[in-house]
Protein backbone atom coordinates (compact mmCIF):
# COMPACT_ATOMS: atom_id res chain seq x y z
CA MET A 1 -22.02 -33.53 89.86
CA TYR A 2 -24.31 -36.58 89.46
CA ASN A 3 -28.03 -37.20 89.49
CA TYR A 4 -28.09 -39.39 92.60
CA LYS A 5 -31.37 -41.04 91.59
CA GLU A 6 -29.61 -42.57 88.60
CA LEU A 7 -26.90 -44.15 90.75
CA ILE A 8 -27.59 -47.86 91.22
CA VAL A 9 -25.86 -47.77 94.59
CA TRP A 10 -28.34 -45.10 95.75
CA GLN A 11 -31.30 -47.11 94.41
CA LYS A 12 -30.15 -50.26 96.18
CA SER A 13 -29.51 -48.37 99.40
CA MET A 14 -33.07 -47.02 99.22
CA ASN A 15 -34.29 -50.63 98.94
CA LEU A 16 -32.19 -51.37 102.02
CA VAL A 17 -33.96 -48.61 103.96
CA GLU A 18 -37.33 -50.15 103.07
CA LEU A 19 -36.22 -53.60 104.22
CA VAL A 20 -34.90 -52.19 107.48
CA TYR A 21 -38.08 -50.27 108.25
CA LYS A 22 -40.20 -53.35 107.60
CA ALA A 23 -37.91 -55.59 109.64
CA THR A 24 -37.92 -53.25 112.64
CA ALA A 25 -41.66 -52.57 112.58
CA ASN A 26 -42.30 -55.32 115.14
CA PHE A 27 -39.37 -54.63 117.45
CA PRO A 28 -40.36 -54.23 121.12
CA SER A 29 -42.07 -50.93 121.82
CA GLU A 30 -39.54 -50.12 124.56
CA GLU A 31 -36.88 -50.04 121.81
CA LYS A 32 -38.73 -47.38 119.78
CA PHE A 33 -36.34 -44.64 120.95
CA GLY A 34 -33.40 -47.00 121.38
CA LEU A 35 -32.20 -49.66 119.01
CA THR A 36 -35.07 -49.30 116.52
CA SER A 37 -34.41 -45.60 116.08
CA GLN A 38 -30.66 -46.11 115.83
CA ILE A 39 -31.02 -48.85 113.20
CA ARG A 40 -33.35 -46.75 111.11
CA ARG A 41 -31.11 -43.68 111.32
CA SER A 42 -28.09 -45.75 110.22
CA ALA A 43 -30.04 -47.12 107.27
CA VAL A 44 -31.31 -43.69 106.20
CA SER A 45 -27.80 -42.30 106.47
CA ILE A 46 -26.56 -44.58 103.69
CA PRO A 47 -28.54 -43.21 100.70
CA SER A 48 -28.58 -39.74 102.25
CA ASN A 49 -24.79 -39.50 102.21
CA ILE A 50 -24.59 -40.92 98.70
CA ALA A 51 -27.06 -38.26 97.56
CA GLU A 52 -25.26 -35.47 99.40
CA GLY A 53 -21.88 -36.50 98.05
CA SER A 54 -23.18 -36.74 94.50
CA GLY A 55 -24.17 -33.10 94.68
CA ARG A 56 -20.73 -31.89 95.67
CA ASN A 57 -18.41 -30.26 93.20
CA SER A 58 -15.46 -32.61 93.48
CA ASN A 59 -14.59 -36.27 93.30
CA ASN A 60 -12.82 -35.97 96.66
CA SER A 61 -16.01 -34.74 98.31
CA PHE A 62 -18.06 -37.49 96.69
CA ARG A 63 -15.53 -40.08 97.89
CA HIS A 64 -15.70 -38.64 101.42
CA PHE A 65 -19.48 -39.07 101.56
CA LEU A 66 -19.18 -42.59 100.14
CA GLU A 67 -16.80 -43.36 102.99
CA ILE A 68 -19.37 -42.03 105.47
CA SER A 69 -21.97 -44.30 103.84
CA ASN A 70 -19.66 -47.25 104.35
CA GLY A 71 -19.34 -46.37 108.01
CA SER A 72 -23.12 -46.26 108.29
CA ILE A 73 -23.37 -49.71 106.68
CA ASN A 74 -20.99 -51.14 109.27
CA GLU A 75 -22.95 -49.42 112.03
CA LEU A 76 -26.20 -50.84 110.63
CA LYS A 77 -24.81 -54.37 110.38
CA THR A 78 -23.60 -54.23 113.98
CA GLN A 79 -26.96 -52.99 115.26
CA LEU A 80 -28.80 -55.67 113.30
CA GLU A 81 -26.54 -58.37 114.71
CA ILE A 82 -27.23 -57.04 118.20
CA SER A 83 -30.94 -57.25 117.39
CA GLU A 84 -30.55 -60.87 116.36
CA ARG A 85 -28.67 -61.69 119.58
CA LEU A 86 -31.52 -60.12 121.55
CA ASP A 87 -34.07 -62.14 119.52
CA PHE A 88 -35.68 -59.03 118.06
CA ILE A 89 -35.11 -60.32 114.51
CA SER A 90 -34.72 -63.82 113.14
CA GLY A 91 -31.78 -64.96 111.08
CA GLN A 92 -34.21 -65.60 108.25
CA LYS A 93 -35.30 -61.95 108.18
CA LEU A 94 -31.82 -60.67 108.85
CA GLN A 95 -29.94 -62.48 106.08
CA PRO A 96 -31.51 -60.67 103.07
CA ILE A 97 -30.77 -57.34 104.76
CA LEU A 98 -27.15 -58.29 105.42
CA ASN A 99 -26.83 -59.52 101.83
CA LEU A 100 -28.05 -56.19 100.51
CA CYS A 101 -25.70 -54.38 102.92
CA ALA A 102 -22.80 -56.36 101.45
CA GLU A 103 -23.90 -55.55 97.90
CA VAL A 104 -24.21 -51.83 98.60
CA GLN A 105 -20.90 -51.82 100.42
CA LYS A 106 -19.12 -53.49 97.49
CA MET A 107 -20.53 -50.82 95.20
CA THR A 108 -19.43 -47.97 97.45
CA TYR A 109 -15.94 -49.49 97.79
CA THR A 110 -15.70 -49.70 94.02
CA LEU A 111 -16.69 -46.04 93.67
CA ILE A 112 -14.26 -45.02 96.40
CA LYS A 113 -11.44 -46.77 94.55
CA LYS A 114 -12.50 -45.11 91.31
CA TYR A 115 -12.46 -41.64 92.83
CA THR A 116 -9.24 -42.27 94.72
CA LYS A 117 -7.46 -42.85 91.41
CA THR A 118 -8.86 -39.77 89.71
CA GLU A 119 -8.34 -36.15 90.53
CA ASP A 120 -10.95 -33.42 90.60
């Protein structure tokens, strides 16, 4: 349906994954299989679902995967806020990540609206 690599929302979500991996690199080692892993999986899920949805044969399917991406963004934001509360990440490191989350989420919402109005 679409070349996902050309989608700006996919490109920005890939940048988000990079930021998340760098920000979690120094999390406590006992969180390697806990919060660190969960945060990284949530981040990776965002561009992965955009890519998967873009390869589907219908606008409804694409919209569905965009909705899943949105859920992953909310999951990621929650986990990052937990990390801040536990002093694993500073507000200074967290804010650019949350800003990019908001930007990606606005883009996915816009696409969801677009594909809600159109039919296959």
